[in-house]
Full PDB file with SEQRES, HELIX, SHEET, SSBOND, CRYST1, ORIGX, SCALE, CONECT and MASTER records, all heavy atoms in Angstrom:
SEQRES   1 A   37  TYR ALA THR ARG ASN THR LEU CYS VAL SER ALA ARG HIS          
SEQRES   2 A   37  ALA PRO MET LYS GLY LEU ALA ARG LEU ARG ARG ASP LEU          
SEQRES   3 A   37  MET ILE TRP LEU VAL ALA LEU VAL HIS VAL ARG                  
HELIX    1 AA1 ALA A    2  HIS A   13  1                                  12    
HELIX    2 AA2 GLY A   18  VAL A   36  1                                  19    
CRYST1    1.000    1.000    1.000  90.00  90.00  90.00 P 1           1          
ORIGX1      1.000000  0.000000  0.000000        0.00000                         
ORIGX2      0.000000  1.000000  0.000000        0.00000                         
ORIGX3      0.000000  0.000000  1.000000        0.00000                         
SCALE1      1.000000  0.000000  0.000000        0.00000                         
SCALE2      0.000000  1.000000  0.000000        0.00000                         
SCALE3      0.000000  0.000000  1.000000        0.00000                         
ATOM      1  N   TYR A   1      97.815 111.978 121.276  1.00  0.00           N  
ATOM      2  CA  TYR A   1      96.899 110.987 121.691  1.00  0.00           C  
ATOM      3  C   TYR A   1      95.827 110.735 120.584  1.00  0.00           C  
ATOM      4  O   TYR A   1      95.450 109.567 120.458  1.00  0.00           O  
ATOM      5  CB  TYR A   1      96.031 111.612 122.900  1.00  0.00           C  
ATOM      6  CG  TYR A   1      96.817 111.453 124.121  1.00  0.00           C  
ATOM      7  CD1 TYR A   1      97.299 112.642 124.699  1.00  0.00           C  
ATOM      8  CD2 TYR A   1      97.118 110.239 124.786  1.00  0.00           C  
ATOM      9  CE1 TYR A   1      98.001 112.576 126.017  1.00  0.00           C  
ATOM     10  CE2 TYR A   1      97.883 110.180 125.942  1.00  0.00           C  
ATOM     11  CZ  TYR A   1      98.341 111.321 126.518  1.00  0.00           C  
ATOM     12  OH  TYR A   1      99.009 111.313 127.693  1.00  0.00           O  
ATOM     13  N   ALA A   2      95.492 111.695 119.684  1.00  0.00           N  
ATOM     14  CA  ALA A   2      94.641 111.343 118.487  1.00  0.00           C  
ATOM     15  C   ALA A   2      95.266 110.320 117.625  1.00  0.00           C  
ATOM     16  O   ALA A   2      94.665 109.485 117.135  1.00  0.00           O  
ATOM     17  CB  ALA A   2      94.337 112.632 117.787  1.00  0.00           C  
ATOM     18  N   THR A   3      96.615 110.572 117.326  1.00  0.00           N  
ATOM     19  CA  THR A   3      97.262 109.587 116.430  1.00  0.00           C  
ATOM     20  C   THR A   3      97.384 108.196 117.093  1.00  0.00           C  
ATOM     21  O   THR A   3      96.954 107.213 116.477  1.00  0.00           O  
ATOM     22  CB  THR A   3      98.713 110.077 116.154  1.00  0.00           C  
ATOM     23  OG1 THR A   3      98.663 111.394 115.567  1.00  0.00           O  
ATOM     24  CG2 THR A   3      99.399 109.152 115.226  1.00  0.00           C  
ATOM     25  N   ARG A   4      97.884 108.170 118.276  1.00  0.00           N  
ATOM     26  CA  ARG A   4      98.156 106.819 118.876  1.00  0.00           C  
ATOM     27  C   ARG A   4      96.831 106.070 119.102  1.00  0.00           C  
ATOM     28  O   ARG A   4      96.705 104.910 118.864  1.00  0.00           O  
ATOM     29  CB  ARG A   4      98.803 106.977 120.275  1.00  0.00           C  
ATOM     30  CG  ARG A   4      99.287 105.801 120.955  1.00  0.00           C  
ATOM     31  CD  ARG A   4      99.661 105.907 122.453  1.00  0.00           C  
ATOM     32  NE  ARG A   4      98.387 106.220 123.181  1.00  0.00           N  
ATOM     33  CZ  ARG A   4      98.359 106.413 124.538  1.00  0.00           C  
ATOM     34  NH1 ARG A   4      99.529 106.414 125.161  1.00  0.00           N  
ATOM     35  NH2 ARG A   4      97.229 106.511 125.198  1.00  0.00           N  
ATOM     36  N   ASN A   5      95.875 106.767 119.764  1.00  0.00           N  
ATOM     37  CA  ASN A   5      94.559 106.153 120.187  1.00  0.00           C  
ATOM     38  C   ASN A   5      93.744 105.754 118.907  1.00  0.00           C  
ATOM     39  O   ASN A   5      92.966 104.750 119.016  1.00  0.00           O  
ATOM     40  CB  ASN A   5      93.832 107.059 121.139  1.00  0.00           C  
ATOM     41  CG  ASN A   5      94.619 107.042 122.495  1.00  0.00           C  
ATOM     42  OD1 ASN A   5      95.491 106.330 122.694  1.00  0.00           O  
ATOM     43  ND2 ASN A   5      94.139 108.031 123.293  1.00  0.00           N  
ATOM     44  N   THR A   6      93.740 106.577 117.843  1.00  0.00           N  
ATOM     45  CA  THR A   6      92.963 106.195 116.793  1.00  0.00           C  
ATOM     46  C   THR A   6      93.475 104.950 116.157  1.00  0.00           C  
ATOM     47  O   THR A   6      92.743 104.050 115.643  1.00  0.00           O  
ATOM     48  CB  THR A   6      93.003 107.387 115.633  1.00  0.00           C  
ATOM     49  OG1 THR A   6      92.344 108.490 116.222  1.00  0.00           O  
ATOM     50  CG2 THR A   6      92.130 106.952 114.388  1.00  0.00           C  
ATOM     51  N   LEU A   7      94.815 104.877 116.006  1.00  0.00           N  
ATOM     52  CA  LEU A   7      95.355 103.589 115.565  1.00  0.00           C  
ATOM     53  C   LEU A   7      95.093 102.436 116.422  1.00  0.00           C  
ATOM     54  O   LEU A   7      94.702 101.314 115.885  1.00  0.00           O  
ATOM     55  CB  LEU A   7      96.886 103.769 115.483  1.00  0.00           C  
ATOM     56  CG  LEU A   7      97.452 104.673 114.394  1.00  0.00           C  
ATOM     57  CD1 LEU A   7      98.904 105.095 114.753  1.00  0.00           C  
ATOM     58  CD2 LEU A   7      97.493 103.893 112.940  1.00  0.00           C  
ATOM     59  N   CYS A   8      95.192 102.551 117.780  1.00  0.00           N  
ATOM     60  CA  CYS A   8      94.774 101.451 118.673  1.00  0.00           C  
ATOM     61  C   CYS A   8      93.309 101.067 118.562  1.00  0.00           C  
ATOM     62  O   CYS A   8      92.987  99.860 118.497  1.00  0.00           O  
ATOM     63  CB  CYS A   8      95.229 101.813 119.992  1.00  0.00           C  
ATOM     64  SG  CYS A   8      97.003 102.001 120.480  1.00  0.00           S  
ATOM     65  N   VAL A   9      92.440 101.999 118.641  1.00  0.00           N  
ATOM     66  CA  VAL A   9      90.939 101.770 118.634  1.00  0.00           C  
ATOM     67  C   VAL A   9      90.526 101.059 117.332  1.00  0.00           C  
ATOM     68  O   VAL A   9      89.836 100.160 117.300  1.00  0.00           O  
ATOM     69  CB  VAL A   9      90.221 103.017 118.904  1.00  0.00           C  
ATOM     70  CG1 VAL A   9      88.712 102.819 118.622  1.00  0.00           C  
ATOM     71  CG2 VAL A   9      90.332 103.467 120.379  1.00  0.00           C  
ATOM     72  N   SER A  10      91.133 101.572 116.284  1.00  0.00           N  
ATOM     73  CA  SER A  10      90.822 100.907 114.996  1.00  0.00           C  
ATOM     74  C   SER A  10      91.273  99.493 114.895  1.00  0.00           C  
ATOM     75  O   SER A  10      90.571  98.577 114.465  1.00  0.00           O  
ATOM     76  CB  SER A  10      91.476 101.719 113.780  1.00  0.00           C  
ATOM     77  OG  SER A  10      90.870 103.033 113.722  1.00  0.00           O  
ATOM     78  N   ALA A  11      92.547  99.278 115.417  1.00  0.00           N  
ATOM     79  CA  ALA A  11      93.038  97.850 115.430  1.00  0.00           C  
ATOM     80  C   ALA A  11      92.219  96.947 116.285  1.00  0.00           C  
ATOM     81  O   ALA A  11      92.054  95.683 116.024  1.00  0.00           O  
ATOM     82  CB  ALA A  11      94.488  97.938 115.880  1.00  0.00           C  
ATOM     83  N   ARG A  12      91.704  97.555 117.403  1.00  0.00           N  
ATOM     84  CA  ARG A  12      90.849  96.669 118.303  1.00  0.00           C  
ATOM     85  C   ARG A  12      89.531  96.332 117.616  1.00  0.00           C  
ATOM     86  O   ARG A  12      89.027  95.170 117.671  1.00  0.00           O  
ATOM     87  CB  ARG A  12      90.570  97.343 119.663  1.00  0.00           C  
ATOM     88  CG  ARG A  12      89.764  96.550 120.516  1.00  0.00           C  
ATOM     89  CD  ARG A  12      89.345  97.308 121.822  1.00  0.00           C  
ATOM     90  NE  ARG A  12      88.588  96.504 122.732  1.00  0.00           N  
ATOM     91  CZ  ARG A  12      88.082  96.904 123.755  1.00  0.00           C  
ATOM     92  NH1 ARG A  12      88.186  98.194 124.134  1.00  0.00           N  
ATOM     93  NH2 ARG A  12      87.450  96.122 124.526  1.00  0.00           N  
ATOM     94  N   HIS A  13      88.858  97.244 117.039  1.00  0.00           N  
ATOM     95  CA  HIS A  13      87.429  96.991 116.648  1.00  0.00           C  
ATOM     96  C   HIS A  13      87.280  96.599 115.228  1.00  0.00           C  
ATOM     97  O   HIS A  13      86.273  96.071 114.781  1.00  0.00           O  
ATOM     98  CB  HIS A  13      86.567  98.296 116.819  1.00  0.00           C  
ATOM     99  CG  HIS A  13      86.307  98.548 118.395  1.00  0.00           C  
ATOM    100  ND1 HIS A  13      85.287  97.997 118.959  1.00  0.00           N  
ATOM    101  CD2 HIS A  13      86.988  99.319 119.271  1.00  0.00           C  
ATOM    102  CE1 HIS A  13      85.276  98.383 120.239  1.00  0.00           C  
ATOM    103  NE2 HIS A  13      86.389  99.189 120.511  1.00  0.00           N  
ATOM    104  N   ALA A  14      88.381  96.647 114.406  1.00  0.00           N  
ATOM    105  CA  ALA A  14      88.410  96.153 113.096  1.00  0.00           C  
ATOM    106  C   ALA A  14      89.837  95.495 112.817  1.00  0.00           C  
ATOM    107  O   ALA A  14      90.515  96.079 112.081  1.00  0.00           O  
ATOM    108  CB  ALA A  14      87.990  97.188 112.082  1.00  0.00           C  
ATOM    109  N   PRO A  15      90.059  94.364 113.381  1.00  0.00           N  
ATOM    110  CA  PRO A  15      91.395  93.754 113.082  1.00  0.00           C  
ATOM    111  C   PRO A  15      91.627  93.519 111.761  1.00  0.00           C  
ATOM    112  O   PRO A  15      90.748  93.086 110.942  1.00  0.00           O  
ATOM    113  CB  PRO A  15      91.278  92.438 113.885  1.00  0.00           C  
ATOM    114  CG  PRO A  15      90.106  92.604 114.947  1.00  0.00           C  
ATOM    115  CD  PRO A  15      89.153  93.517 114.240  1.00  0.00           C  
ATOM    116  N   MET A  16      92.907  93.809 111.249  1.00  0.00           N  
ATOM    117  CA  MET A  16      93.284  93.597 109.883  1.00  0.00           C  
ATOM    118  C   MET A  16      94.757  93.102 109.857  1.00  0.00           C  
ATOM    119  O   MET A  16      95.408  93.260 110.871  1.00  0.00           O  
ATOM    120  CB  MET A  16      93.181  94.879 109.099  1.00  0.00           C  
ATOM    121  CG  MET A  16      91.860  95.416 108.835  1.00  0.00           C  
ATOM    122  SD  MET A  16      91.888  96.947 107.866  1.00  0.00           S  
ATOM    123  CE  MET A  16      90.187  97.354 107.629  1.00  0.00           C  
ATOM    124  N   LYS A  17      95.128  92.570 108.717  1.00  0.00           N  
ATOM    125  CA  LYS A  17      96.505  92.119 108.607  1.00  0.00           C  
ATOM    126  C   LYS A  17      97.082  92.501 107.350  1.00  0.00           C  
ATOM    127  O   LYS A  17      96.332  92.891 106.354  1.00  0.00           O  
ATOM    128  CB  LYS A  17      96.457  90.511 108.636  1.00  0.00           C  
ATOM    129  CG  LYS A  17      96.023  89.880 110.096  1.00  0.00           C  
ATOM    130  CD  LYS A  17      96.144  88.396 110.041  1.00  0.00           C  
ATOM    131  CE  LYS A  17      95.674  87.829 111.393  1.00  0.00           C  
ATOM    132  NZ  LYS A  17      95.802  86.347 111.336  1.00  0.00           N  
ATOM    133  N   GLY A  18      98.376  92.414 107.194  1.00  0.00           N  
ATOM    134  CA  GLY A  18      99.003  92.660 105.969  1.00  0.00           C  
ATOM    135  C   GLY A  18      98.854  94.026 105.381  1.00  0.00           C  
ATOM    136  O   GLY A  18      98.817  95.075 106.165  1.00  0.00           O  
ATOM    137  N   LEU A  19      98.645  94.021 104.028  1.00  0.00           N  
ATOM    138  CA  LEU A  19      98.544  95.296 103.341  1.00  0.00           C  
ATOM    139  C   LEU A  19      97.299  96.189 103.805  1.00  0.00           C  
ATOM    140  O   LEU A  19      97.330  97.382 103.815  1.00  0.00           O  
ATOM    141  CB  LEU A  19      98.480  95.073 101.893  1.00  0.00           C  
ATOM    142  CG  LEU A  19      99.832  94.696 101.254  1.00  0.00           C  
ATOM    143  CD1 LEU A  19      99.655  94.425  99.755  1.00  0.00           C  
ATOM    144  CD2 LEU A  19     100.866  95.769 101.374  1.00  0.00           C  
ATOM    145  N   ALA A  20      96.281  95.483 104.093  1.00  0.00           N  
ATOM    146  CA  ALA A  20      95.043  96.167 104.509  1.00  0.00           C  
ATOM    147  C   ALA A  20      95.188  97.056 105.751  1.00  0.00           C  
ATOM    148  O   ALA A  20      94.832  98.171 105.862  1.00  0.00           O  
ATOM    149  CB  ALA A  20      93.883  95.197 104.735  1.00  0.00           C  
ATOM    150  N   ARG A  21      95.916  96.351 106.809  1.00  0.00           N  
ATOM    151  CA  ARG A  21      96.239  97.096 107.987  1.00  0.00           C  
ATOM    152  C   ARG A  21      97.151  98.295 107.664  1.00  0.00           C  
ATOM    153  O   ARG A  21      97.112  99.303 108.320  1.00  0.00           O  
ATOM    154  CB  ARG A  21      96.821  96.148 109.155  1.00  0.00           C  
ATOM    155  CG  ARG A  21      97.125  96.867 110.373  1.00  0.00           C  
ATOM    156  CD  ARG A  21      97.502  95.925 111.494  1.00  0.00           C  
ATOM    157  NE  ARG A  21      97.706  96.537 112.726  1.00  0.00           N  
ATOM    158  CZ  ARG A  21      97.712  96.035 113.929  1.00  0.00           C  
ATOM    159  NH1 ARG A  21      97.342  94.711 113.965  1.00  0.00           N  
ATOM    160  NH2 ARG A  21      98.053  96.767 114.950  1.00  0.00           N  
ATOM    161  N   LEU A  22      98.276  97.970 106.782  1.00  0.00           N  
ATOM    162  CA  LEU A  22      99.291  99.001 106.598  1.00  0.00           C  
ATOM    163  C   LEU A  22      98.536 100.183 105.932  1.00  0.00           C  
ATOM    164  O   LEU A  22      98.943 101.364 106.198  1.00  0.00           O  
ATOM    165  CB  LEU A  22     100.308  98.456 105.710  1.00  0.00           C  
ATOM    166  CG  LEU A  22     101.430  99.440 105.231  1.00  0.00           C  
ATOM    167  CD1 LEU A  22     102.149 100.008 106.481  1.00  0.00           C  
ATOM    168  CD2 LEU A  22     102.366  98.701 104.284  1.00  0.00           C  
ATOM    169  N   ARG A  23      97.664  99.954 104.927  1.00  0.00           N  
ATOM    170  CA  ARG A  23      96.905 101.120 104.350  1.00  0.00           C  
ATOM    171  C   ARG A  23      96.161 101.869 105.176  1.00  0.00           C  
ATOM    172  O   ARG A  23      96.202 103.186 105.178  1.00  0.00           O  
ATOM    173  CB  ARG A  23      96.032 100.474 103.160  1.00  0.00           C  
ATOM    174  CG  ARG A  23      96.813 100.136 101.902  1.00  0.00           C  
ATOM    175  CD  ARG A  23      95.829  99.976 100.733  1.00  0.00           C  
ATOM    176  NE  ARG A  23      94.852  98.867 101.046  1.00  0.00           N  
ATOM    177  CZ  ARG A  23      95.076  97.620 100.612  1.00  0.00           C  
ATOM    178  NH1 ARG A  23      96.152  97.312  99.906  1.00  0.00           N  
ATOM    179  NH2 ARG A  23      94.209  96.668 100.890  1.00  0.00           N  
ATOM    180  N   ARG A  24      95.414 101.220 106.147  1.00  0.00           N  
ATOM    181  CA  ARG A  24      94.582 101.937 107.114  1.00  0.00           C  
ATOM    182  C   ARG A  24      95.552 102.795 108.085  1.00  0.00           C  
ATOM    183  O   ARG A  24      95.390 103.983 108.379  1.00  0.00           O  
ATOM    184  CB  ARG A  24      93.836 101.037 108.021  1.00  0.00           C  
ATOM    185  CG  ARG A  24      92.937 101.796 109.011  1.00  0.00           C  
ATOM    186  CD  ARG A  24      92.142 100.825 109.924  1.00  0.00           C  
ATOM    187  NE  ARG A  24      93.066  99.891 110.697  1.00  0.00           N  
ATOM    188  CZ  ARG A  24      92.563  98.854 111.268  1.00  0.00           C  
ATOM    189  NH1 ARG A  24      91.192  98.581 111.228  1.00  0.00           N  
ATOM    190  NH2 ARG A  24      93.310  98.029 111.830  1.00  0.00           N  
ATOM    191  N   ASP A  25      96.614 102.217 108.577  1.00  0.00           N  
ATOM    192  CA  ASP A  25      97.571 102.892 109.540  1.00  0.00           C  
ATOM    193  C   ASP A  25      98.161 104.095 108.668  1.00  0.00           C  
ATOM    194  O   ASP A  25      98.307 105.247 109.430  1.00  0.00           O  
ATOM    195  CB  ASP A  25      98.697 101.944 110.050  1.00  0.00           C  
ATOM    196  CG  ASP A  25      98.070 100.914 110.921  1.00  0.00           C  
ATOM    197  OD1 ASP A  25      96.943 100.930 111.277  1.00  0.00           O  
ATOM    198  OD2 ASP A  25      98.863 100.109 111.407  1.00  0.00           O  
ATOM    199  N   LEU A  26      98.511 103.909 107.548  1.00  0.00           N  
ATOM    200  CA  LEU A  26      99.108 104.986 106.806  1.00  0.00           C  
ATOM    201  C   LEU A  26      98.128 106.170 106.574  1.00  0.00           C  
ATOM    202  O   LEU A  26      98.454 107.385 106.662  1.00  0.00           O  
ATOM    203  CB  LEU A  26      99.644 104.541 105.390  1.00  0.00           C  
ATOM    204  CG  LEU A  26     100.934 103.753 105.525  1.00  0.00           C  
ATOM    205  CD1 LEU A  26     101.318 103.266 104.186  1.00  0.00           C  
ATOM    206  CD2 LEU A  26     102.034 104.659 106.048  1.00  0.00           C  
ATOM    207  N   MET A  27      96.819 105.833 106.308  1.00  0.00           N  
ATOM    208  CA  MET A  27      95.753 106.789 106.104  1.00  0.00           C  
ATOM    209  C   MET A  27      95.543 107.585 107.439  1.00  0.00           C  
ATOM    210  O   MET A  27      95.490 108.805 107.432  1.00  0.00           O  
ATOM    211  CB  MET A  27      94.479 106.196 105.746  1.00  0.00           C  
ATOM    212  CG  MET A  27      93.329 107.165 105.469  1.00  0.00           C  
ATOM    213  SD  MET A  27      93.711 108.446 104.339  1.00  0.00           S  
ATOM    214  CE  MET A  27      93.918 107.425 102.844  1.00  0.00           C  
ATOM    215  N   ILE A  28      95.600 106.952 108.553  1.00  0.00           N  
ATOM    216  CA  ILE A  28      95.431 107.659 109.807  1.00  0.00           C  
ATOM    217  C   ILE A  28      96.644 108.591 110.131  1.00  0.00           C  
ATOM    218  O   ILE A  28      96.477 109.683 110.594  1.00  0.00           O  
ATOM    219  CB  ILE A  28      95.340 106.575 111.014  1.00  0.00           C  
ATOM    220  CG1 ILE A  28      94.101 105.826 110.907  1.00  0.00           C  
ATOM    221  CG2 ILE A  28      95.502 107.375 112.394  1.00  0.00           C  
ATOM    222  CD1 ILE A  28      93.949 104.630 111.795  1.00  0.00           C  
ATOM    223  N   TRP A  29      97.891 108.113 109.717  1.00  0.00           N  
ATOM    224  CA  TRP A  29      99.030 108.890 109.882  1.00  0.00           C  
ATOM    225  C   TRP A  29      99.007 110.170 109.053  1.00  0.00           C  
ATOM    226  O   TRP A  29      99.426 111.268 109.415  1.00  0.00           O  
ATOM    227  CB  TRP A  29     100.205 108.090 109.509  1.00  0.00           C  
ATOM    228  CG  TRP A  29     101.628 108.761 109.763  1.00  0.00           C  
ATOM    229  CD1 TRP A  29     102.134 108.969 111.037  1.00  0.00           C  
ATOM    230  CD2 TRP A  29     102.518 109.148 108.864  1.00  0.00           C  
ATOM    231  NE1 TRP A  29     103.367 109.639 110.801  1.00  0.00           N  
ATOM    232  CE2 TRP A  29     103.648 109.687 109.496  1.00  0.00           C  
ATOM    233  CE3 TRP A  29     102.549 109.050 107.398  1.00  0.00           C  
ATOM    234  CZ2 TRP A  29     104.692 110.165 108.825  1.00  0.00           C  
ATOM    235  CZ3 TRP A  29     103.588 109.626 106.739  1.00  0.00           C  
ATOM    236  CH2 TRP A  29     104.733 110.074 107.348  1.00  0.00           C  
ATOM    237  N   LEU A  30      98.519 109.954 107.693  1.00  0.00           N  
ATOM    238  CA  LEU A  30      98.439 111.087 106.790  1.00  0.00           C  
ATOM    239  C   LEU A  30      97.499 112.113 107.284  1.00  0.00           C  
ATOM    240  O   LEU A  30      97.637 113.353 107.057  1.00  0.00           O  
ATOM    241  CB  LEU A  30      98.145 110.533 105.341  1.00  0.00           C  
ATOM    242  CG  LEU A  30      99.273 109.741 104.715  1.00  0.00           C  
ATOM    243  CD1 LEU A  30      98.696 109.137 103.436  1.00  0.00           C  
ATOM    244  CD2 LEU A  30     100.408 110.676 104.368  1.00  0.00           C  
ATOM    245  N   VAL A  31      96.350 111.664 107.764  1.00  0.00           N  
ATOM    246  CA  VAL A  31      95.286 112.614 108.159  1.00  0.00           C  
ATOM    247  C   VAL A  31      95.953 113.350 109.438  1.00  0.00           C  
ATOM    248  O   VAL A  31      95.658 114.676 109.515  1.00  0.00           O  
ATOM    249  CB  VAL A  31      94.089 111.853 108.686  1.00  0.00           C  
ATOM    250  CG1 VAL A  31      93.060 112.813 109.483  1.00  0.00           C  
ATOM    251  CG2 VAL A  31      93.338 111.301 107.506  1.00  0.00           C  
ATOM    252  N   ALA A  32      96.691 112.829 110.283  1.00  0.00           N  
ATOM    253  CA  ALA A  32      97.300 113.520 111.416  1.00  0.00           C  
ATOM    254  C   ALA A  32      98.330 114.547 110.829  1.00  0.00           C  
ATOM    255  O   ALA A  32      98.390 115.765 111.476  1.00  0.00           O  
ATOM    256  CB  ALA A  32      98.048 112.414 112.255  1.00  0.00           C  
ATOM    257  N   LEU A  33      98.926 114.173 109.763  1.00  0.00           N  
ATOM    258  CA  LEU A  33      99.897 115.299 109.188  1.00  0.00           C  
ATOM    259  C   LEU A  33      99.122 116.344 108.725  1.00  0.00           C  
ATOM    260  O   LEU A  33      99.562 117.571 108.683  1.00  0.00           O  
ATOM    261  CB  LEU A  33     100.769 114.565 108.152  1.00  0.00           C  
ATOM    262  CG  LEU A  33     101.739 113.480 108.542  1.00  0.00           C  
ATOM    263  CD1 LEU A  33     102.550 112.976 107.350  1.00  0.00           C  
ATOM    264  CD2 LEU A  33     102.644 114.099 109.583  1.00  0.00           C  
ATOM    265  N   VAL A  34      97.970 116.145 108.076  1.00  0.00           N  
ATOM    266  CA  VAL A  34      97.165 117.247 107.583  1.00  0.00           C  
ATOM    267  C   VAL A  34      96.746 118.249 108.716  1.00  0.00           C  
ATOM    268  O   VAL A  34      96.825 119.495 108.646  1.00  0.00           O  
ATOM    269  CB  VAL A  34      95.847 116.709 106.921  1.00  0.00           C  
ATOM    270  CG1 VAL A  34      94.850 117.930 106.693  1.00  0.00           C  
ATOM    271  CG2 VAL A  34      96.119 116.021 105.633  1.00  0.00           C  
ATOM    272  N   HIS A  35      96.396 117.627 109.886  1.00  0.00           N  
ATOM    273  CA  HIS A  35      96.083 118.511 110.999  1.00  0.00           C  
ATOM    274  C   HIS A  35      97.372 119.253 111.573  1.00  0.00           C  
ATOM    275  O   HIS A  35      97.166 120.352 112.070  1.00  0.00           O  
ATOM    276  CB  HIS A  35      95.517 117.698 112.127  1.00  0.00           C  
ATOM    277  CG  HIS A  35      94.179 117.266 111.936  1.00  0.00           C  
ATOM    278  ND1 HIS A  35      93.076 118.069 112.171  1.00  0.00           N  
ATOM    279  CD2 HIS A  35      93.611 116.126 111.535  1.00  0.00           C  
ATOM    280  CE1 HIS A  35      91.892 117.486 111.912  1.00  0.00           C  
ATOM    281  NE2 HIS A  35      92.234 116.308 111.456  1.00  0.00           N  
ATOM    282  N   VAL A  36      98.531 118.623 111.306  1.00  0.00           N  
ATOM    283  CA  VAL A  36      99.765 119.403 111.791  1.00  0.00           C  
ATOM    284  C   VAL A  36      99.803 120.767 111.047  1.00  0.00           C  
ATOM    285  O   VAL A  36     100.341 121.688 111.688  1.00  0.00           O  
ATOM    286  CB  VAL A  36     100.951 118.530 111.352  1.00  0.00           C  
ATOM    287  CG1 VAL A  36     102.255 119.319 111.416  1.00  0.00           C  
ATOM    288  CG2 VAL A  36     101.180 117.315 112.372  1.00  0.00           C  
ATOM    289  N   ARG A  37      99.447 120.816 109.884  1.00  0.00           N  
ATOM    290  CA  ARG A  37      99.590 122.020 109.053  1.00  0.00           C  
ATOM    291  C   ARG A  37      98.609 123.214 109.660  1.00  0.00           C  
ATOM    292  O   ARG A  37      98.919 124.400 109.546  1.00  0.00           O  
ATOM    293  CB  ARG A  37      99.145 121.825 107.599  1.00  0.00           C  
ATOM    294  CG  ARG A  37     100.104 120.889 106.810  1.00  0.00           C  
ATOM    295  CD  ARG A  37      99.580 120.765 105.539  1.00  0.00           C  
ATOM    296  NE  ARG A  37      99.530 121.852 104.706  1.00  0.00           N  
ATOM    297  CZ  ARG A  37      99.097 121.942 103.422  1.00  0.00           C  
ATOM    298  NH1 ARG A  37      98.530 120.953 102.953  1.00  0.00           N  
ATOM    299  NH2 ARG A  37      99.119 123.167 102.871  1.00  0.00           N  
TER     300      ARG A  37                                                      
MASTER        0    0    0    2    0    0    0    6  299    1    0    3          
END                                                                             
């Protein structure tokens, strides 16, 4: 839920397109992987 909802909430409250959105989404995903450890 932290992964899915952080991505969704960020997209809702700060809409981005293209590379900017991709960078943000990847950062959220990478932070989630840190927590996996």
